[in-house]
Amino acid sequence: MGNTSFQNNLMSLQSNLLNFAFMLTSNRDDAYDLLQDTTLKALDNEAKYTENTNFKGWVFTIMRNIFINNYRRVARSATVIDQTENLYHLNLSQDSGLETPEGSFAAGEITDYINQFPEEYRVPFSMHVAGYKYNEIAEKMDLPLGTVKSRIFFARQKLQKRFADYR
């Protein structure tokens, strides 16, 4: 594709790209920023585009990837990292989130019920609740990924069935 042909195709997609950007961001200014980033990235990577491929799909994929990367960057920057000496902020007492004694009792009851699970369900479920990803659990337990996912799913179902009256 010639340089002017590439640019003309890119410019003809601007209104479609703006609509897609607005759908992703739900904010007019952010949508315009995303459109500009996408256009610049597409122009910078013109040499990577291969003939006879879906140009529109290629450009929309660039936009989607930029949006995802920006979202992840914002999520990472929102994470608070305690850099104080002796991790002062982490050692402060934290609110448990349990407003009432009944809530504390319910949390204890849930924990007791989880501890009654057979080990094959309890361990992956507990690891998942602790923040491990499915693939990390599968590696540590030397199990297929699908098995880990189904065991966690069944543990959730057991909990939901047992504590349905708490809703």
Protein backbone atom coordinates (compact mmCIF):
# COMPACT_ATOMS: atom_id res chain seq x y z
CA MET A 1 0.00 0.00 0.00
CA GLY A 2 1.44 3.34 -0.96
CA ASN A 3 2.08 6.02 1.62
CA THR A 4 -0.78 8.25 0.44
CA SER A 5 -3.12 5.27 0.05
CA PHE A 6 -2.34 4.18 3.62
CA GLN A 7 -2.96 7.68 4.96
CA ASN A 8 -6.20 8.05 2.97
CA ASN A 9 -7.49 4.73 4.30
CA LEU A 10 -6.55 5.76 7.83
CA MET A 11 -8.28 9.14 7.48
CA SER A 12 -11.43 7.51 6.09
CA LEU A 13 -11.71 5.45 9.30
CA GLN A 14 -11.47 8.42 11.68
CA SER A 15 -15.21 8.72 12.38
CA ASN A 16 -15.55 4.96 12.97
CA LEU A 17 -12.50 5.00 15.21
CA LEU A 18 -13.87 7.94 17.18
CA ASN A 19 -17.14 6.08 17.77
CA PHE A 20 -15.23 3.01 18.94
CA ALA A 21 -13.00 5.13 21.17
CA PHE A 22 -16.03 6.78 22.74
CA MET A 23 -17.57 3.37 23.35
CA LEU A 24 -14.38 2.26 25.13
CA THR A 25 -13.79 5.37 27.20
CA SER A 26 -17.29 6.84 27.70
CA ASN A 27 -15.64 10.26 27.74
CA ARG A 28 -15.36 12.63 24.79
CA ASP A 29 -11.92 14.05 25.65
CA ASP A 30 -10.47 10.61 26.39
CA ALA A 31 -11.95 9.32 23.14
CA TYR A 32 -10.20 12.07 21.17
CA ASP A 33 -6.93 11.32 22.96
CA LEU A 34 -7.30 7.62 22.17
CA LEU A 35 -8.07 8.42 18.53
CA GLN A 36 -4.96 10.58 18.29
CA ASP A 37 -2.75 7.92 19.93
CA THR A 38 -4.14 5.28 17.58
CA THR A 39 -3.60 7.41 14.47
CA LEU A 40 -0.01 8.18 15.47
CA LYS A 41 0.73 4.55 16.29
CA ALA A 42 -0.75 3.37 12.99
CA LEU A 43 1.34 5.93 11.06
CA ASP A 44 4.49 4.94 12.98
CA ASN A 45 3.87 1.27 12.21
CA GLU A 46 2.87 1.65 8.57
CA ALA A 47 5.80 -0.53 7.53
CA LYS A 48 4.46 -3.40 9.68
CA TYR A 49 1.13 -3.49 7.86
CA THR A 50 1.01 -6.24 5.27
CA GLU A 51 -0.97 -6.02 2.06
CA ASN A 52 -4.17 -8.04 1.65
CA THR A 53 -5.01 -8.00 5.35
CA ASN A 54 -7.99 -6.32 6.96
CA PHE A 55 -6.82 -2.72 7.36
CA LYS A 56 -9.83 -1.70 9.42
CA GLY A 57 -9.35 -4.65 11.78
CA TRP A 58 -5.65 -3.85 12.09
CA VAL A 59 -6.30 -0.24 13.10
CA PHE A 60 -9.12 -1.15 15.48
CA THR A 61 -6.85 -3.72 17.13
CA ILE A 62 -4.23 -1.01 17.63
CA MET A 63 -6.87 1.16 19.32
CA ARG A 64 -8.10 -1.64 21.55
CA ASN A 65 -4.56 -2.52 22.62
CA ILE A 66 -3.71 1.11 23.41
CA PHE A 67 -6.88 1.37 25.51
CA ILE A 68 -6.07 -1.83 27.42
CA ASN A 69 -2.47 -0.77 28.04
CA ASN A 70 -3.59 2.66 29.28
CA TYR A 71 -6.16 1.06 31.56
CA ARG A 72 -3.58 -1.29 33.04
CA ARG A 73 -1.13 1.58 33.53
CA VAL A 74 -3.76 3.58 35.42
CA ALA A 75 -4.65 0.55 37.55
CA ARG A 76 -0.98 -0.01 38.42
CA SER A 77 -0.43 3.64 39.29
CA ALA A 78 -3.48 3.58 41.57
CA THR A 79 -1.86 0.83 43.64
CA VAL A 80 -0.49 2.24 46.88
CA ILE A 81 3.03 1.10 47.67
CA ASP A 82 4.17 1.61 51.24
CA GLN A 83 7.69 3.02 51.04
CA THR A 84 7.85 4.19 54.63
CA GLU A 85 10.49 2.93 56.99
CA ASN A 86 9.43 -0.34 58.65
CA LEU A 87 6.34 -0.45 56.39
CA TYR A 88 4.52 1.84 58.82
CA HIS A 89 1.30 2.12 56.79
CA LEU A 90 0.99 -1.62 56.29
CA ASN A 91 1.37 -2.24 60.01
CA LEU A 92 -1.49 0.09 60.97
CA SER A 93 -4.56 -1.73 62.17
CA GLN A 94 -6.97 -2.19 59.31
CA ASP A 95 -10.72 -1.99 59.46
CA SER A 96 -12.07 -5.51 59.00
CA GLY A 97 -15.06 -4.29 57.05
CA LEU A 98 -17.33 -6.19 59.41
CA GLU A 99 -19.86 -3.70 60.72
CA THR A 100 -21.65 -5.94 63.17
CA PRO A 101 -20.89 -8.92 65.42
CA GLU A 102 -23.22 -10.94 63.19
CA GLY A 103 -20.99 -10.14 60.24
CA SER A 104 -17.98 -11.36 62.18
CA PHE A 105 -19.83 -14.54 63.11
CA ALA A 106 -20.84 -15.11 59.48
CA ALA A 107 -17.22 -14.70 58.32
CA GLY A 108 -16.10 -17.25 60.91
CA GLU A 109 -18.85 -19.63 59.85
CA ILE A 110 -17.82 -19.30 56.20
CA THR A 111 -14.19 -19.95 57.10
CA ASP A 112 -15.16 -23.03 59.12
CA TYR A 113 -17.22 -24.32 56.22
CA ILE A 114 -14.36 -23.79 53.77
CA ASN A 115 -12.03 -25.69 56.12
CA GLN A 116 -14.44 -28.65 55.95
CA PHE A 117 -13.98 -28.95 52.18
CA PRO A 118 -11.96 -31.92 50.96
CA GLU A 119 -8.35 -30.86 50.38
CA GLU A 120 -8.72 -31.11 46.60
CA TYR A 121 -11.28 -28.27 46.73
CA ARG A 122 -10.10 -26.35 49.80
CA VAL A 123 -6.49 -25.77 48.68
CA PRO A 124 -7.18 -24.33 45.19
CA PHE A 125 -10.12 -22.28 46.49
CA SER A 126 -8.08 -20.85 49.36
CA MET A 127 -5.20 -20.04 47.02
CA HIS A 128 -7.60 -18.30 44.63
CA VAL A 129 -9.10 -16.24 47.46
CA ALA A 130 -5.56 -15.37 48.57
CA GLY A 131 -4.93 -13.82 45.14
CA TYR A 132 -3.22 -16.55 43.15
CA LYS A 133 -4.11 -16.75 39.49
CA TYR A 134 -5.53 -19.94 38.02
CA ASN A 135 -2.34 -20.79 36.14
CA GLU A 136 -0.22 -20.24 39.27
CA ILE A 137 -2.44 -22.58 41.26
CA ALA A 138 -2.25 -25.17 38.49
CA GLU A 139 1.55 -25.00 38.46
CA LYS A 140 1.90 -25.23 42.24
CA MET A 141 -0.55 -28.12 42.51
CA ASP A 142 0.68 -29.82 39.34
CA LEU A 143 -2.85 -30.01 37.93
CA PRO A 144 -4.36 -29.11 34.57
CA LEU A 145 -5.74 -25.57 34.39
CA GLY A 146 -9.27 -26.79 33.68
CA THR A 147 -9.25 -28.98 36.78
CA VAL A 148 -8.25 -26.05 38.96
CA LYS A 149 -10.97 -23.83 37.47
CA SER A 150 -13.65 -26.49 37.92
CA ARG A 151 -12.64 -27.19 41.54
CA ILE A 152 -12.81 -23.50 42.39
CA PHE A 153 -16.17 -23.27 40.62
CA PHE A 154 -17.55 -26.23 42.59
CA ALA A 155 -16.24 -24.77 45.87
CA ARG A 156 -18.04 -21.51 45.08
CA GLN A 157 -21.22 -23.41 44.30
CA LYS A 158 -21.02 -25.25 47.63
CA LEU A 159 -20.58 -21.94 49.47
CA GLN A 160 -23.44 -20.29 47.63
CA LYS A 161 -25.74 -23.24 48.33
CA ARG A 162 -24.77 -23.41 52.02
CA PHE A 163 -25.08 -19.65 52.64
CA ALA A 164 -28.00 -18.85 50.33
CA ASP A 165 -30.01 -17.54 53.30
CA TYR A 166 -27.43 -14.81 54.01
CA ARG A 167 -28.36 -12.91 50.85
